[in-house]
Structure formats: structure tokens, C-alpha cells
PDB file of all heavy atoms in Angstrom:
ATOM      1  N   MET A   1     113.912  79.651 107.722  1.00  0.00           N
ATOM      2  CA  MET A   1     112.508  80.011 107.616  1.00  0.00           C
ATOM      3  C   MET A   1     111.671  78.775 107.646  1.00  0.00           C
ATOM      4  O   MET A   1     110.430  78.926 108.105  1.00  0.00           O
ATOM      5  CB  MET A   1     112.221  80.814 106.269  1.00  0.00           C
ATOM      6  CG  MET A   1     113.071  82.153 106.183  1.00  0.00           C
ATOM      7  SD  MET A   1     112.786  83.221 107.567  1.00  0.00           S
ATOM      8  CE  MET A   1     111.122  83.733 107.342  1.00  0.00           C
ATOM      9  N   GLU A   2     112.079  77.665 107.360  1.00  0.00           N
ATOM     10  CA  GLU A   2     111.337  76.410 107.598  1.00  0.00           C
ATOM     11  C   GLU A   2     110.880  76.193 109.045  1.00  0.00           C
ATOM     12  O   GLU A   2     109.931  75.446 109.274  1.00  0.00           O
ATOM     13  CB  GLU A   2     111.963  75.210 106.987  1.00  0.00           C
ATOM     14  CG  GLU A   2     113.098  74.670 107.776  1.00  0.00           C
ATOM     15  CD  GLU A   2     114.442  75.443 107.544  1.00  0.00           C
ATOM     16  OE1 GLU A   2     114.543  76.432 106.723  1.00  0.00           O
ATOM     17  OE2 GLU A   2     115.542  74.997 108.196  1.00  0.00           O
ATOM     18  N   LYS A   3     111.546  76.722 109.996  1.00  0.00           N
ATOM     19  CA  LYS A   3     111.254  76.626 111.331  1.00  0.00           C
ATOM     20  C   LYS A   3     110.198  77.672 111.901  1.00  0.00           C
ATOM     21  O   LYS A   3     109.768  77.619 112.996  1.00  0.00           O
ATOM     22  CB  LYS A   3     112.501  76.623 112.168  1.00  0.00           C
ATOM     23  CG  LYS A   3     113.503  75.495 112.034  1.00  0.00           C
ATOM     24  CD  LYS A   3     114.625  75.524 112.920  1.00  0.00           C
ATOM     25  CE  LYS A   3     115.401  74.307 112.908  1.00  0.00           C
ATOM     26  NZ  LYS A   3     116.319  74.123 113.869  1.00  0.00           N
ATOM     27  N   LEU A   4     110.013  78.661 111.186  1.00  0.00           N
ATOM     28  CA  LEU A   4     109.095  79.774 111.514  1.00  0.00           C
ATOM     29  C   LEU A   4     107.814  79.289 112.168  1.00  0.00           C
ATOM     30  O   LEU A   4     107.549  79.806 113.265  1.00  0.00           O
ATOM     31  CB  LEU A   4     108.920  80.747 110.305  1.00  0.00           C
ATOM     32  CG  LEU A   4     108.147  81.980 110.712  1.00  0.00           C
ATOM     33  CD1 LEU A   4     108.935  82.897 111.515  1.00  0.00           C
ATOM     34  CD2 LEU A   4     107.803  82.819 109.359  1.00  0.00           C
ATOM     35  N   ASN A   5     107.096  78.526 111.587  1.00  0.00           N
ATOM     36  CA  ASN A   5     105.672  78.233 112.102  1.00  0.00           C
ATOM     37  C   ASN A   5     105.711  77.584 113.533  1.00  0.00           C
ATOM     38  O   ASN A   5     104.872  77.685 114.192  1.00  0.00           O
ATOM     39  CB  ASN A   5     104.990  77.296 111.140  1.00  0.00           C
ATOM     40  CG  ASN A   5     104.561  77.926 109.794  1.00  0.00           C
ATOM     41  OD1 ASN A   5     104.359  79.192 109.888  1.00  0.00           O
ATOM     42  ND2 ASN A   5     104.391  77.262 108.794  1.00  0.00           N
ATOM     43  N   GLY A   6     106.873  76.856 113.869  1.00  0.00           N
ATOM     44  CA  GLY A   6     106.946  76.237 115.081  1.00  0.00           C
ATOM     45  C   GLY A   6     107.084  77.152 116.318  1.00  0.00           C
ATOM     46  O   GLY A   6     106.849  76.834 117.452  1.00  0.00           O
ATOM     47  N   TYR A   7     107.295  78.418 116.010  1.00  0.00           N
ATOM     48  CA  TYR A   7     107.503  79.375 117.000  1.00  0.00           C
ATOM     49  C   TYR A   7     106.192  80.199 117.426  1.00  0.00           C
ATOM     50  O   TYR A   7     106.139  80.978 118.352  1.00  0.00           O
ATOM     51  CB  TYR A   7     108.560  80.430 116.784  1.00  0.00           C
ATOM     52  CG  TYR A   7     109.934  79.726 116.864  1.00  0.00           C
ATOM     53  CD1 TYR A   7     110.669  79.514 115.731  1.00  0.00           C
ATOM     54  CD2 TYR A   7     110.589  79.642 118.054  1.00  0.00           C
ATOM     55  CE1 TYR A   7     111.906  78.985 115.753  1.00  0.00           C
ATOM     56  CE2 TYR A   7     111.774  79.025 118.219  1.00  0.00           C
ATOM     57  CZ  TYR A   7     112.454  78.691 116.930  1.00  0.00           C
ATOM     58  OH  TYR A   7     113.730  78.189 117.100  1.00  0.00           O
ATOM     59  N   PHE A   8     105.142  79.952 116.671  1.00  0.00           N
ATOM     60  CA  PHE A   8     103.941  80.750 116.790  1.00  0.00           C
ATOM     61  C   PHE A   8     102.650  79.777 116.797  1.00  0.00           C
ATOM     62  O   PHE A   8     102.763  78.596 116.260  1.00  0.00           O
ATOM     63  CB  PHE A   8     103.776  81.644 115.534  1.00  0.00           C
ATOM     64  CG  PHE A   8     104.848  82.682 115.539  1.00  0.00           C
ATOM     65  CD1 PHE A   8     106.037  82.386 114.643  1.00  0.00           C
ATOM     66  CD2 PHE A   8     104.775  83.919 116.168  1.00  0.00           C
ATOM     67  CE1 PHE A   8     107.041  83.401 114.657  1.00  0.00           C
ATOM     68  CE2 PHE A   8     105.766  84.775 115.999  1.00  0.00           C
ATOM     69  CZ  PHE A   8     106.931  84.518 115.370  1.00  0.00           C
ATOM     70  N   ASN A   9     101.612  80.339 117.367  1.00  0.00           N
ATOM     71  CA  ASN A   9     100.380  79.611 117.447  1.00  0.00           C
ATOM     72  C   ASN A   9      99.599  80.004 116.239  1.00  0.00           C
ATOM     73  O   ASN A   9      98.674  80.814 116.207  1.00  0.00           O
ATOM     74  CB  ASN A   9      99.607  79.887 118.786  1.00  0.00           C
ATOM     75  CG  ASN A   9      98.320  79.263 118.889  1.00  0.00           C
ATOM     76  OD1 ASN A   9      97.988  78.316 118.124  1.00  0.00           O
ATOM     77  ND2 ASN A   9      97.438  79.690 119.814  1.00  0.00           N
ATOM     78  N   GLY A  10      99.741  79.351 115.059  1.00  0.00           N
ATOM     79  CA  GLY A  10      99.077  79.692 113.904  1.00  0.00           C
ATOM     80  C   GLY A  10      99.361  81.160 113.443  1.00  0.00           C
ATOM     81  O   GLY A  10     100.596  81.579 113.571  1.00  0.00           O
ATOM     82  N   ASP A  11      98.364  81.812 113.050  1.00  0.00           N
ATOM     83  CA  ASP A  11      98.586  83.224 112.662  1.00  0.00           C
ATOM     84  C   ASP A  11      98.220  84.210 113.883  1.00  0.00           C
ATOM     85  O   ASP A  11      98.090  85.359 113.684  1.00  0.00           O
ATOM     86  CB  ASP A  11      97.653  83.511 111.414  1.00  0.00           C
ATOM     87  CG  ASP A  11      98.129  84.685 110.472  1.00  0.00           C
ATOM     88  OD1 ASP A  11      99.378  84.846 110.426  1.00  0.00           O
ATOM     89  OD2 ASP A  11      97.312  85.492 110.080  1.00  0.00           O
ATOM     90  N   ASN A  12      98.140  83.604 115.074  1.00  0.00           N
ATOM     91  CA  ASN A  12      97.856  84.450 116.193  1.00  0.00           C
ATOM     92  C   ASN A  12      99.182  85.033 116.695  1.00  0.00           C
ATOM     93  O   ASN A  12      99.861  84.467 117.555  1.00  0.00           O
ATOM     94  CB  ASN A  12      97.290  83.604 117.292  1.00  0.00           C
ATOM     95  CG  ASN A  12      96.028  83.009 116.819  1.00  0.00           C
ATOM     96  OD1 ASN A  12      95.148  83.570 116.272  1.00  0.00           O
ATOM     97  ND2 ASN A  12      95.773  81.618 117.094  1.00  0.00           N
ATOM     98  N   TYR A  13      99.485  86.234 116.274  1.00  0.00           N
ATOM     99  CA  TYR A  13     100.732  86.948 116.553  1.00  0.00           C
ATOM    100  C   TYR A  13     100.366  88.511 116.415  1.00  0.00           C
ATOM    101  O   TYR A  13      99.944  89.006 115.357  1.00  0.00           O
ATOM    102  CB  TYR A  13     101.777  86.451 115.644  1.00  0.00           C
ATOM    103  CG  TYR A  13     103.027  87.272 115.566  1.00  0.00           C
ATOM    104  CD1 TYR A  13     103.910  87.443 116.761  1.00  0.00           C
ATOM    105  CD2 TYR A  13     103.324  87.910 114.416  1.00  0.00           C
ATOM    106  CE1 TYR A  13     105.069  88.235 116.604  1.00  0.00           C
ATOM    107  CE2 TYR A  13     104.535  88.609 114.319  1.00  0.00           C
ATOM    108  CZ  TYR A  13     105.339  88.742 115.436  1.00  0.00           C
ATOM    109  OH  TYR A  13     106.595  89.475 115.376  1.00  0.00           O
ATOM    110  N   ILE A  14     100.586  89.226 117.546  1.00  0.00           N
ATOM    111  CA  ILE A  14     100.338  90.765 117.505  1.00  0.00           C
ATOM    112  C   ILE A  14     101.738  91.346 117.293  1.00  0.00           C
ATOM    113  O   ILE A  14     102.639  91.198 118.071  1.00  0.00           O
ATOM    114  CB  ILE A  14      99.730  91.170 118.730  1.00  0.00           C
ATOM    115  CG1 ILE A  14      98.386  90.419 119.016  1.00  0.00           C
ATOM    116  CG2 ILE A  14      99.487  92.680 118.784  1.00  0.00           C
ATOM    117  CD1 ILE A  14      97.645  90.612 120.381  1.00  0.00           C
ATOM    118  N   GLN A  15     101.694  92.204 116.159  1.00  0.00           N
ATOM    119  CA  GLN A  15     102.962  92.852 115.885  1.00  0.00           C
ATOM    120  C   GLN A  15     102.702  94.402 116.176  1.00  0.00           C
ATOM    121  O   GLN A  15     101.810  94.981 115.658  1.00  0.00           O
ATOM    122  CB  GLN A  15     103.225  92.647 114.370  1.00  0.00           C
ATOM    123  CG  GLN A  15     104.462  93.490 113.739  1.00  0.00           C
ATOM    124  CD  GLN A  15     105.690  93.313 114.450  1.00  0.00           C
ATOM    125  OE1 GLN A  15     106.067  94.082 115.322  1.00  0.00           O
ATOM    126  NE2 GLN A  15     106.384  92.235 114.186  1.00  0.00           N
ATOM    127  N   HIS A  16     103.561  94.868 117.102  1.00  0.00           N
ATOM    128  CA  HIS A  16     103.337  96.363 117.444  1.00  0.00           C
ATOM    129  C   HIS A  16     104.134  97.230 116.643  1.00  0.00           C
ATOM    130  O   HIS A  16     104.000  98.497 116.845  1.00  0.00           O
ATOM    131  CB  HIS A  16     103.705  96.456 118.996  1.00  0.00           C
ATOM    132  CG  HIS A  16     102.623  95.775 119.841  1.00  0.00           C
ATOM    133  ND1 HIS A  16     101.539  96.289 120.242  1.00  0.00           N
ATOM    134  CD2 HIS A  16     102.681  94.474 120.400  1.00  0.00           C
ATOM    135  CE1 HIS A  16     100.855  95.439 120.940  1.00  0.00           C
ATOM    136  NE2 HIS A  16     101.599  94.387 121.105  1.00  0.00           N
ATOM    137  N   ASN A  17     104.966  96.778 115.673  1.00  0.00           N
ATOM    138  CA  ASN A  17     105.686  97.723 114.801  1.00  0.00           C
ATOM    139  C   ASN A  17     104.535  98.226 113.690  1.00  0.00           C
ATOM    140  O   ASN A  17     103.962  97.327 113.084  1.00  0.00           O
ATOM    141  CB  ASN A  17     106.686  96.992 114.101  1.00  0.00           C
ATOM    142  CG  ASN A  17     107.567  97.843 113.188  1.00  0.00           C
ATOM    143  OD1 ASN A  17     106.969  98.741 112.412  1.00  0.00           O
ATOM    144  ND2 ASN A  17     108.879  97.692 112.952  1.00  0.00           N
ATOM    145  N   PRO A  18     104.383  99.533 113.683  1.00  0.00           N
ATOM    146  CA  PRO A  18     103.187 100.010 112.869  1.00  0.00           C
ATOM    147  C   PRO A  18     103.395  99.787 111.372  1.00  0.00           C
ATOM    148  O   PRO A  18     102.552  99.932 110.595  1.00  0.00           O
ATOM    149  CB  PRO A  18     103.133 101.469 113.227  1.00  0.00           C
ATOM    150  CG  PRO A  18     104.471 101.798 113.832  1.00  0.00           C
ATOM    151  CD  PRO A  18     104.972 100.576 114.445  1.00  0.00           C
ATOM    152  N   GLN A  19     104.713  99.386 110.923  1.00  0.00           N
ATOM    153  CA  GLN A  19     104.906  99.126 109.473  1.00  0.00           C
ATOM    154  C   GLN A  19     104.735  97.702 109.043  1.00  0.00           C
ATOM    155  O   GLN A  19     104.977  97.409 107.959  1.00  0.00           O
ATOM    156  CB  GLN A  19     106.370  99.489 109.159  1.00  0.00           C
ATOM    157  CG  GLN A  19     106.541 101.103 109.437  1.00  0.00           C
ATOM    158  CD  GLN A  19     107.950 101.624 109.200  1.00  0.00           C
ATOM    159  OE1 GLN A  19     108.832 100.845 108.579  1.00  0.00           O
ATOM    160  NE2 GLN A  19     108.288 102.768 109.589  1.00  0.00           N
ATOM    161  N   ILE A  20     104.401  96.840 110.041  1.00  0.00           N
ATOM    162  CA  ILE A  20     104.150  95.384 109.841  1.00  0.00           C
ATOM    163  C   ILE A  20     102.855  94.995 110.377  1.00  0.00           C
ATOM    164  O   ILE A  20     102.542  95.354 111.472  1.00  0.00           O
ATOM    165  CB  ILE A  20     105.342  94.622 110.580  1.00  0.00           C
ATOM    166  CG1 ILE A  20     106.692  94.986 110.030  1.00  0.00           C
ATOM    167  CG2 ILE A  20     105.149  93.062 110.322  1.00  0.00           C
ATOM    168  CD1 ILE A  20     107.838  94.327 110.673  1.00  0.00           C
ATOM    169  N   GLY A  21     102.120  94.293 109.597  1.00  0.00           N
ATOM    170  CA  GLY A  21     100.769  93.791 110.019  1.00  0.00           C
ATOM    171  C   GLY A  21     100.822  92.709 111.022  1.00  0.00           C
ATOM    172  O   GLY A  21     101.928  92.046 111.205  1.00  0.00           O
ATOM    173  N   ASN A  22      99.684  92.419 111.645  1.00  0.00           N
ATOM    174  CA  ASN A  22      99.692  91.437 112.605  1.00  0.00           C
ATOM    175  C   ASN A  22      99.711  89.968 111.933  1.00  0.00           C
ATOM    176  O   ASN A  22      99.457  89.742 110.777  1.00  0.00           O
ATOM    177  CB  ASN A  22      98.357  91.403 113.418  1.00  0.00           C
ATOM    178  CG  ASN A  22      98.355  92.477 114.405  1.00  0.00           C
ATOM    179  OD1 ASN A  22      99.481  92.846 114.987  1.00  0.00           O
ATOM    180  ND2 ASN A  22      97.229  93.124 114.712  1.00  0.00           N
ATOM    181  N   GLY A  23     100.097  88.862 112.733  1.00  0.00           N
ATOM    182  CA  GLY A  23     100.070  87.540 112.181  1.00  0.00           C
ATOM    183  C   GLY A  23     101.297  87.256 111.389  1.00  0.00           C
ATOM    184  O   GLY A  23     102.027  88.116 110.927  1.00  0.00           O
ATOM    185  N   LEU A  24     101.660  86.018 111.159  1.00  0.00           N
ATOM    186  CA  LEU A  24     102.674  85.653 110.309  1.00  0.00           C
ATOM    187  C   LEU A  24     102.513  86.039 108.905  1.00  0.00           C
ATOM    188  O   LEU A  24     103.371  86.406 108.256  1.00  0.00           O
ATOM    189  CB  LEU A  24     102.869  84.140 110.328  1.00  0.00           C
ATOM    190  CG  LEU A  24     103.520  83.574 111.710  1.00  0.00           C
ATOM    191  CD1 LEU A  24     103.669  81.978 111.546  1.00  0.00           C
ATOM    192  CD2 LEU A  24     104.715  84.217 111.997  1.00  0.00           C
ATOM    193  N   SER A  25     101.253  86.175 108.495  1.00  0.00           N
ATOM    194  CA  SER A  25     100.927  86.717 107.117  1.00  0.00           C
ATOM    195  C   SER A  25     101.354  88.167 107.009  1.00  0.00           C
ATOM    196  O   SER A  25     101.908  88.509 105.950  1.00  0.00           O
ATOM    197  CB  SER A  25      99.434  86.585 106.856  1.00  0.00           C
ATOM    198  OG  SER A  25      98.627  87.256 107.858  1.00  0.00           O
ATOM    199  N   GLY A  26     101.176  89.057 108.104  1.00  0.00           N
ATOM    200  CA  GLY A  26     101.546  90.415 108.074  1.00  0.00           C
ATOM    201  C   GLY A  26     103.112  90.490 108.032  1.00  0.00           C
ATOM    202  O   GLY A  26     103.681  91.301 107.303  1.00  0.00           O
ATOM    203  N   LEU A  27     103.842  89.689 108.797  1.00  0.00           N
ATOM    204  CA  LEU A  27     105.330  89.646 108.745  1.00  0.00           C
ATOM    205  C   LEU A  27     105.671  89.161 107.406  1.00  0.00           C
ATOM    206  O   LEU A  27     106.624  89.801 106.823  1.00  0.00           O
ATOM    207  CB  LEU A  27     105.780  88.624 109.855  1.00  0.00           C
ATOM    208  CG  LEU A  27     107.267  88.492 110.042  1.00  0.00           C
ATOM    209  CD1 LEU A  27     107.893  89.689 110.413  1.00  0.00           C
ATOM    210  CD2 LEU A  27     107.641  87.473 111.035  1.00  0.00           C
ATOM    211  N   GLY A  28     105.224  88.172 106.902  1.00  0.00           N
ATOM    212  CA  GLY A  28     105.597  87.730 105.583  1.00  0.00           C
ATOM    213  C   GLY A  28     105.409  88.722 104.433  1.00  0.00           C
ATOM    214  O   GLY A  28     106.310  88.908 103.685  1.00  0.00           O
ATOM    215  N   ALA A  29     104.273  89.528 104.516  1.00  0.00           N
ATOM    216  CA  ALA A  29     104.018  90.550 103.479  1.00  0.00           C
ATOM    217  C   ALA A  29     105.019  91.617 103.686  1.00  0.00           C
ATOM    218  O   ALA A  29     105.526  92.144 102.651  1.00  0.00           O
ATOM    219  CB  ALA A  29     102.613  90.998 103.686  1.00  0.00           C
ATOM    220  N   ALA A  30     105.389  92.023 104.863  1.00  0.00           N
ATOM    221  CA  ALA A  30     106.370  93.087 105.140  1.00  0.00           C
ATOM    222  C   ALA A  30     107.746  92.645 104.576  1.00  0.00           C
ATOM    223  O   ALA A  30     108.469  93.482 103.929  1.00  0.00           O
ATOM    224  CB  ALA A  30     106.425  93.445 106.680  1.00  0.00           C
ATOM    225  N   LEU A  31     108.114  91.455 104.918  1.00  0.00           N
ATOM    226  CA  LEU A  31     109.495  90.993 104.313  1.00  0.00           C
ATOM    227  C   LEU A  31     109.558  90.894 102.903  1.00  0.00           C
ATOM    228  O   LEU A  31     110.495  91.260 102.346  1.00  0.00           O
ATOM    229  CB  LEU A  31     109.848  89.706 104.988  1.00  0.00           C
ATOM    230  CG  LEU A  31     110.046  89.692 106.559  1.00  0.00           C
ATOM    231  CD1 LEU A  31     110.210  88.228 107.050  1.00  0.00           C
ATOM    232  CD2 LEU A  31     111.194  90.529 106.959  1.00  0.00           C
ATOM    233  N   GLU A  32     108.440  90.439 102.256  1.00  0.00           N
ATOM    234  CA  GLU A  32     108.278  90.427 100.807  1.00  0.00           C
ATOM    235  C   GLU A  32     108.404  91.812 100.208  1.00  0.00           C
ATOM    236  O   GLU A  32     109.133  91.970  99.236  1.00  0.00           O
ATOM    237  CB  GLU A  32     107.049  89.741 100.455  1.00  0.00           C
ATOM    238  CG  GLU A  32     106.838  89.494  98.966  1.00  0.00           C
ATOM    239  CD  GLU A  32     105.584  88.859  98.649  1.00  0.00           C
ATOM    240  OE1 GLU A  32     105.309  87.900  99.293  1.00  0.00           O
ATOM    241  OE2 GLU A  32     104.860  89.257  97.595  1.00  0.00           O
ATOM    242  N   ALA A  33     107.628  92.802 100.847  1.00  0.00           N
ATOM    243  CA  ALA A  33     107.721  94.245 100.299  1.00  0.00           C
ATOM    244  C   ALA A  33     109.125  94.820 100.426  1.00  0.00           C
ATOM    245  O   ALA A  33     109.551  95.446  99.447  1.00  0.00           O
ATOM    246  CB  ALA A  33     106.779  95.010 101.101  1.00  0.00           C
ATOM    247  N   MET A  34     109.836  94.533 101.557  1.00  0.00           N
ATOM    248  CA  MET A  34     111.162  95.038 101.734  1.00  0.00           C
ATOM    249  C   MET A  34     112.132  94.385 100.654  1.00  0.00           C
ATOM    250  O   MET A  34     112.913  94.985 100.048  1.00  0.00           O
ATOM    251  CB  MET A  34     111.766  94.684 103.113  1.00  0.00           C
ATOM    252  CG  MET A  34     111.124  95.603 104.164  1.00  0.00           C
ATOM    253  SD  MET A  34     111.794  95.443 105.750  1.00  0.00           S
ATOM    254  CE  MET A  34     112.686  93.939 106.016  1.00  0.00           C
ATOM    255  N   ALA A  35     112.042  93.055 100.386  1.00  0.00           N
ATOM    256  CA  ALA A  35     112.843  92.345  99.413  1.00  0.00           C
ATOM    257  C   ALA A  35     112.620  93.029  97.929  1.00  0.00           C
ATOM    258  O   ALA A  35     113.555  93.181  97.243  1.00  0.00           O
ATOM    259  CB  ALA A  35     112.538  90.855  99.393  1.00  0.00           C
TER     260      ALA A  35
END
């Protein structure tokens, strides 16, 4: 996970899975909720 930010342009990330929000913040929130 320490490499995650290097794959994205900041929080500019569109997630088309309706159960996960846009941006790395949305991805992080979804993974946290699942955990």
C-alpha cells in the first residue's frame, strides 16, 4: 500500500463500481468499510 499514491494523479481517479466512491479517498473508505 505504500506504493499506492504513485499510480494515481492525486485524488483524480474515477471509480465506476457503484459501491466505491471516486478518488483514492473513496477507495480507501470502501476498503476500510469492508475490513
